[in-house]
């Protein structure tokens, strides 16, 4: 086990390797409404889906830029978030809150 990771992180990263689980995880963070929780979810998924370097390359971003963007103080632009999600094999969508709103 990686000495820097918490005991749950290894299991979480295995679970997040599945695109459906990753999407569910990020959606839950969005629903939470906290920017730091959202950025943490993106960091966790990036680590699970190839690592920060791999995701940065696929998103056509510098690795340092990705780290800065997803840091606790990060404030990424919408275009950057879309690029990062694409680099993780995901995309952003909007759905009605309930079937009644459809």
N, C-alpha and C. Protein backbone atom coordinates (compact mmCIF):
# COMPACT_ATOMS: atom_id res chain seq x y z
N UNK A 1 0.84 -1.18 0.00
CA UNK A 1 0.00 0.00 0.00
C UNK A 1 0.88 1.24 0.00
N UNK A 2 0.47 2.26 -0.72
CA UNK A 2 1.18 3.52 -0.79
C UNK A 2 1.17 4.18 0.58
N UNK A 3 2.33 4.54 1.09
CA UNK A 3 2.42 5.10 2.44
C UNK A 3 1.76 6.48 2.53
N UNK A 4 1.57 7.17 1.42
CA UNK A 4 0.96 8.48 1.43
C UNK A 4 -0.57 8.42 1.41
N UNK A 5 -1.13 7.29 1.03
CA UNK A 5 -2.58 7.22 0.89
C UNK A 5 -3.24 6.76 2.18
N UNK A 6 -4.48 7.16 2.33
CA UNK A 6 -5.29 6.72 3.46
C UNK A 6 -5.78 5.31 3.13
N UNK A 7 -6.13 4.53 4.14
CA UNK A 7 -6.54 3.14 3.90
C UNK A 7 -7.69 3.00 2.89
N UNK A 8 -8.65 3.92 2.90
CA UNK A 8 -9.78 3.81 1.98
C UNK A 8 -9.44 4.22 0.55
N UNK A 9 -8.39 5.02 0.37
CA UNK A 9 -8.10 5.58 -0.96
C UNK A 9 -7.82 4.51 -2.00
N UNK A 10 -7.12 3.46 -1.64
CA UNK A 10 -6.82 2.42 -2.62
C UNK A 10 -8.11 1.79 -3.14
N UNK A 11 -9.03 1.46 -2.23
CA UNK A 11 -10.31 0.88 -2.64
C UNK A 11 -11.13 1.89 -3.45
N UNK A 12 -11.11 3.15 -3.03
CA UNK A 12 -11.83 4.19 -3.75
C UNK A 12 -11.32 4.31 -5.17
N UNK A 13 -10.00 4.32 -5.34
CA UNK A 13 -9.42 4.49 -6.68
C UNK A 13 -9.72 3.29 -7.57
N UNK A 14 -9.78 2.11 -7.00
CA UNK A 14 -10.18 0.93 -7.79
C UNK A 14 -11.63 1.10 -8.24
N UNK A 15 -12.49 1.53 -7.33
CA UNK A 15 -13.91 1.72 -7.64
C UNK A 15 -14.10 2.81 -8.70
N UNK A 16 -13.28 3.87 -8.63
CA UNK A 16 -13.40 4.99 -9.56
C UNK A 16 -12.84 4.69 -10.95
N UNK A 17 -12.18 3.57 -11.12
CA UNK A 17 -11.69 3.20 -12.45
C UNK A 17 -12.85 2.91 -13.39
N UNK A 18 -13.99 2.55 -12.86
CA UNK A 18 -15.19 2.35 -13.66
C UNK A 18 -15.81 3.71 -13.99
N UNK A 19 -16.06 3.98 -15.26
CA UNK A 19 -16.57 5.29 -15.69
C UNK A 19 -17.91 5.62 -15.04
N UNK A 20 -18.78 4.64 -14.89
CA UNK A 20 -20.08 4.89 -14.25
C UNK A 20 -19.93 5.29 -12.80
N UNK A 21 -19.04 4.62 -12.09
CA UNK A 21 -18.79 4.98 -10.69
C UNK A 21 -18.17 6.37 -10.59
N UNK A 22 -17.24 6.67 -11.49
CA UNK A 22 -16.59 7.98 -11.49
C UNK A 22 -17.62 9.08 -11.72
N UNK A 23 -18.51 8.87 -12.67
CA UNK A 23 -19.55 9.86 -12.96
C UNK A 23 -20.47 10.04 -11.75
N UNK A 24 -20.85 8.95 -11.11
CA UNK A 24 -21.70 9.00 -9.92
C UNK A 24 -21.02 9.78 -8.80
N UNK A 25 -19.75 9.55 -8.61
CA UNK A 25 -18.95 10.20 -7.57
C UNK A 25 -18.88 11.71 -7.81
N UNK A 26 -18.59 12.10 -9.04
CA UNK A 26 -18.50 13.53 -9.37
C UNK A 26 -19.88 14.18 -9.26
N UNK A 27 -20.92 13.50 -9.73
CA UNK A 27 -22.28 14.05 -9.62
C UNK A 27 -22.68 14.28 -8.17
N UNK A 28 -22.31 13.36 -7.28
CA UNK A 28 -22.61 13.53 -5.86
C UNK A 28 -21.88 14.76 -5.32
N UNK A 29 -20.65 14.98 -5.77
CA UNK A 29 -19.89 16.16 -5.34
C UNK A 29 -20.54 17.44 -5.85
N UNK A 30 -21.04 17.42 -7.07
CA UNK A 30 -21.72 18.59 -7.64
C UNK A 30 -22.97 18.90 -6.82
N UNK A 31 -23.73 17.86 -6.50
CA UNK A 31 -24.96 18.05 -5.73
C UNK A 31 -24.66 18.59 -4.33
N UNK A 32 -23.49 18.27 -3.79
CA UNK A 32 -23.11 18.78 -2.48
C UNK A 32 -23.02 20.31 -2.49
N UNK A 33 -22.64 20.86 -3.64
CA UNK A 33 -22.61 22.31 -3.80
C UNK A 33 -21.37 23.00 -3.26
N UNK A 34 -20.38 22.23 -2.82
CA UNK A 34 -19.16 22.79 -2.26
C UNK A 34 -18.04 22.68 -3.29
N UNK A 35 -17.44 23.81 -3.65
CA UNK A 35 -16.40 23.82 -4.67
C UNK A 35 -15.23 22.92 -4.29
N UNK A 36 -14.80 22.94 -3.03
CA UNK A 36 -13.67 22.11 -2.61
C UNK A 36 -13.99 20.63 -2.73
N UNK A 37 -15.22 20.24 -2.41
CA UNK A 37 -15.64 18.84 -2.55
C UNK A 37 -15.61 18.45 -4.03
N UNK A 38 -16.08 19.33 -4.89
CA UNK A 38 -16.07 19.06 -6.33
C UNK A 38 -14.64 18.89 -6.84
N UNK A 39 -13.74 19.79 -6.45
CA UNK A 39 -12.35 19.69 -6.90
C UNK A 39 -11.68 18.44 -6.35
N UNK A 40 -12.00 18.07 -5.11
CA UNK A 40 -11.47 16.83 -4.53
C UNK A 40 -11.96 15.62 -5.33
N UNK A 41 -13.22 15.63 -5.74
CA UNK A 41 -13.74 14.51 -6.52
C UNK A 41 -13.00 14.40 -7.85
N UNK A 42 -12.71 15.53 -8.48
CA UNK A 42 -11.96 15.50 -9.74
C UNK A 42 -10.54 14.98 -9.52
N UNK A 43 -9.91 15.38 -8.42
CA UNK A 43 -8.56 14.87 -8.10
C UNK A 43 -8.59 13.36 -7.90
N UNK A 44 -9.56 12.89 -7.13
CA UNK A 44 -9.67 11.45 -6.87
C UNK A 44 -9.88 10.67 -8.17
N UNK A 45 -10.76 11.15 -9.03
CA UNK A 45 -11.03 10.45 -10.28
C UNK A 45 -9.81 10.50 -11.20
N UNK A 46 -9.13 11.64 -11.24
CA UNK A 46 -7.92 11.75 -12.07
C UNK A 46 -6.87 10.73 -11.62
N UNK A 47 -6.67 10.61 -10.31
CA UNK A 47 -5.70 9.65 -9.79
C UNK A 47 -6.09 8.23 -10.16
N UNK A 48 -7.38 7.95 -10.10
CA UNK A 48 -7.86 6.59 -10.38
C UNK A 48 -7.84 6.24 -11.86
N UNK A 49 -8.00 7.23 -12.72
CA UNK A 49 -8.16 6.97 -14.15
C UNK A 49 -6.89 7.29 -14.93
N UNK A 50 -5.76 6.88 -14.38
CA UNK A 50 -4.51 7.01 -15.11
C UNK A 50 -3.49 7.91 -14.45
N UNK A 51 -3.89 8.68 -13.46
CA UNK A 51 -2.98 9.58 -12.79
C UNK A 51 -3.03 10.98 -13.37
N UNK A 52 -2.51 11.91 -12.62
CA UNK A 52 -2.58 13.32 -13.02
C UNK A 52 -1.83 13.59 -14.32
N UNK A 53 -0.68 12.96 -14.50
CA UNK A 53 0.09 13.20 -15.72
C UNK A 53 -0.68 12.71 -16.94
N UNK A 54 -1.24 11.53 -16.86
CA UNK A 54 -2.00 10.96 -17.98
C UNK A 54 -3.22 11.80 -18.30
N UNK A 55 -3.97 12.19 -17.27
CA UNK A 55 -5.16 13.02 -17.48
C UNK A 55 -4.77 14.38 -18.04
N UNK A 56 -3.70 14.97 -17.55
CA UNK A 56 -3.24 16.26 -18.06
C UNK A 56 -2.91 16.17 -19.55
N UNK A 57 -2.21 15.10 -19.94
CA UNK A 57 -1.87 14.91 -21.35
C UNK A 57 -3.12 14.76 -22.21
N UNK A 58 -4.06 13.94 -21.76
CA UNK A 58 -5.30 13.73 -22.53
C UNK A 58 -6.14 15.00 -22.59
N UNK A 59 -6.06 15.83 -21.55
CA UNK A 59 -6.80 17.09 -21.50
C UNK A 59 -6.05 18.22 -22.18
N UNK A 60 -4.85 17.93 -22.67
CA UNK A 60 -3.98 18.91 -23.31
C UNK A 60 -3.67 20.08 -22.38
N UNK A 61 -3.33 19.71 -21.13
CA UNK A 61 -2.93 20.67 -20.12
C UNK A 61 -1.57 20.27 -19.57
N UNK A 62 -0.86 21.21 -19.02
CA UNK A 62 0.37 20.87 -18.32
C UNK A 62 0.03 20.22 -16.99
N UNK A 63 0.86 19.30 -16.55
CA UNK A 63 0.61 18.60 -15.29
C UNK A 63 0.52 19.58 -14.13
N UNK A 64 1.43 20.57 -14.10
CA UNK A 64 1.41 21.56 -13.03
C UNK A 64 0.11 22.37 -13.07
N UNK A 65 -0.35 22.69 -14.26
CA UNK A 65 -1.60 23.44 -14.40
C UNK A 65 -2.77 22.63 -13.86
N UNK A 66 -2.77 21.34 -14.12
CA UNK A 66 -3.84 20.48 -13.63
C UNK A 66 -3.82 20.44 -12.10
N UNK A 67 -2.63 20.25 -11.52
CA UNK A 67 -2.52 20.24 -10.06
C UNK A 67 -3.03 21.55 -9.48
N UNK A 68 -2.65 22.67 -10.05
CA UNK A 68 -3.06 23.99 -9.55
C UNK A 68 -4.57 24.16 -9.69
N UNK A 69 -5.11 23.77 -10.84
CA UNK A 69 -6.52 23.91 -11.11
C UNK A 69 -7.37 23.10 -10.13
N UNK A 70 -6.90 21.90 -9.77
CA UNK A 70 -7.68 21.02 -8.91
C UNK A 70 -7.30 21.13 -7.43
N UNK A 71 -6.43 22.09 -7.10
CA UNK A 71 -6.03 22.28 -5.70
C UNK A 71 -7.21 22.88 -4.92
N UNK A 72 -7.07 22.91 -3.60
CA UNK A 72 -8.14 23.48 -2.76
C UNK A 72 -8.44 24.92 -3.13
N UNK A 73 -7.44 25.62 -3.60
CA UNK A 73 -7.62 27.03 -3.98
C UNK A 73 -7.90 27.20 -5.47
N UNK A 74 -7.99 26.10 -6.18
CA UNK A 74 -8.22 26.16 -7.62
C UNK A 74 -9.55 26.80 -7.95
N UNK A 75 -9.59 27.44 -9.10
CA UNK A 75 -10.82 28.07 -9.58
C UNK A 75 -10.88 27.89 -11.09
N UNK A 76 -11.05 26.63 -11.53
CA UNK A 76 -10.98 26.36 -12.97
C UNK A 76 -12.14 26.96 -13.75
N UNK A 77 -11.85 27.33 -14.97
CA UNK A 77 -12.88 27.81 -15.88
C UNK A 77 -13.67 26.61 -16.40
N UNK A 78 -14.87 26.88 -16.90
CA UNK A 78 -15.73 25.82 -17.42
C UNK A 78 -15.02 25.01 -18.51
N UNK A 79 -14.35 25.70 -19.41
CA UNK A 79 -13.65 25.03 -20.51
C UNK A 79 -12.59 24.07 -19.97
N UNK A 80 -11.90 24.47 -18.91
CA UNK A 80 -10.87 23.62 -18.31
C UNK A 80 -11.50 22.38 -17.67
N UNK A 81 -12.62 22.56 -16.98
CA UNK A 81 -13.31 21.42 -16.37
C UNK A 81 -13.75 20.45 -17.46
N UNK A 82 -14.30 20.97 -18.54
CA UNK A 82 -14.73 20.10 -19.65
C UNK A 82 -13.54 19.34 -20.22
N UNK A 83 -12.39 20.00 -20.36
CA UNK A 83 -11.19 19.34 -20.87
C UNK A 83 -10.71 18.24 -19.93
N UNK A 84 -10.72 18.52 -18.63
CA UNK A 84 -10.28 17.53 -17.65
C UNK A 84 -11.22 16.33 -17.66
N UNK A 85 -12.50 16.58 -17.68
CA UNK A 85 -13.46 15.46 -17.74
C UNK A 85 -13.23 14.63 -18.99
N UNK A 86 -13.01 15.29 -20.12
CA UNK A 86 -12.71 14.57 -21.36
C UNK A 86 -11.45 13.72 -21.19
N UNK A 87 -10.45 14.27 -20.53
CA UNK A 87 -9.21 13.54 -20.29
C UNK A 87 -9.41 12.32 -19.41
N UNK A 88 -10.51 12.29 -18.66
CA UNK A 88 -10.83 11.14 -17.80
C UNK A 88 -11.83 10.22 -18.47
N UNK A 89 -12.20 10.53 -19.72
CA UNK A 89 -13.18 9.72 -20.42
C UNK A 89 -14.61 9.98 -19.97
N UNK A 90 -14.86 11.20 -19.46
CA UNK A 90 -16.19 11.58 -18.98
C UNK A 90 -16.63 12.87 -19.66
N UNK A 91 -17.90 13.22 -19.47
CA UNK A 91 -18.40 14.49 -19.99
C UNK A 91 -19.44 15.04 -19.02
N UNK A 92 -19.64 16.33 -19.08
CA UNK A 92 -20.59 17.01 -18.22
C UNK A 92 -21.94 17.07 -18.92
N UNK A 93 -23.00 16.72 -18.20
CA UNK A 93 -24.35 16.80 -18.73
C UNK A 93 -25.25 17.44 -17.69
N UNK A 94 -26.41 17.88 -18.13
CA UNK A 94 -27.41 18.45 -17.23
C UNK A 94 -28.67 17.63 -17.38
N UNK A 95 -29.30 17.32 -16.25
CA UNK A 95 -30.54 16.54 -16.25
C UNK A 95 -31.57 17.25 -15.40
N UNK A 96 -32.87 17.02 -15.68
CA UNK A 96 -33.89 17.60 -14.82
C UNK A 96 -33.76 17.03 -13.40
N UNK A 97 -34.09 17.84 -12.42
CA UNK A 97 -34.00 17.38 -11.04
C UNK A 97 -34.99 16.25 -10.75
N UNK A 98 -36.13 16.28 -11.40
CA UNK A 98 -37.12 15.22 -11.22
C UNK A 98 -37.86 15.00 -12.52
N UNK A 99 -38.58 13.91 -12.58
CA UNK A 99 -39.37 13.62 -13.78
C UNK A 99 -40.47 14.66 -13.96
N UNK A 100 -40.93 15.26 -12.89
CA UNK A 100 -41.96 16.29 -12.98
C UNK A 100 -41.46 17.54 -13.70
N UNK A 101 -40.16 17.79 -13.62
CA UNK A 101 -39.59 18.99 -14.26
C UNK A 101 -39.36 18.78 -15.75
N UNK A 102 -39.48 17.56 -16.22
CA UNK A 102 -39.20 17.26 -17.63
C UNK A 102 -40.25 17.80 -18.56
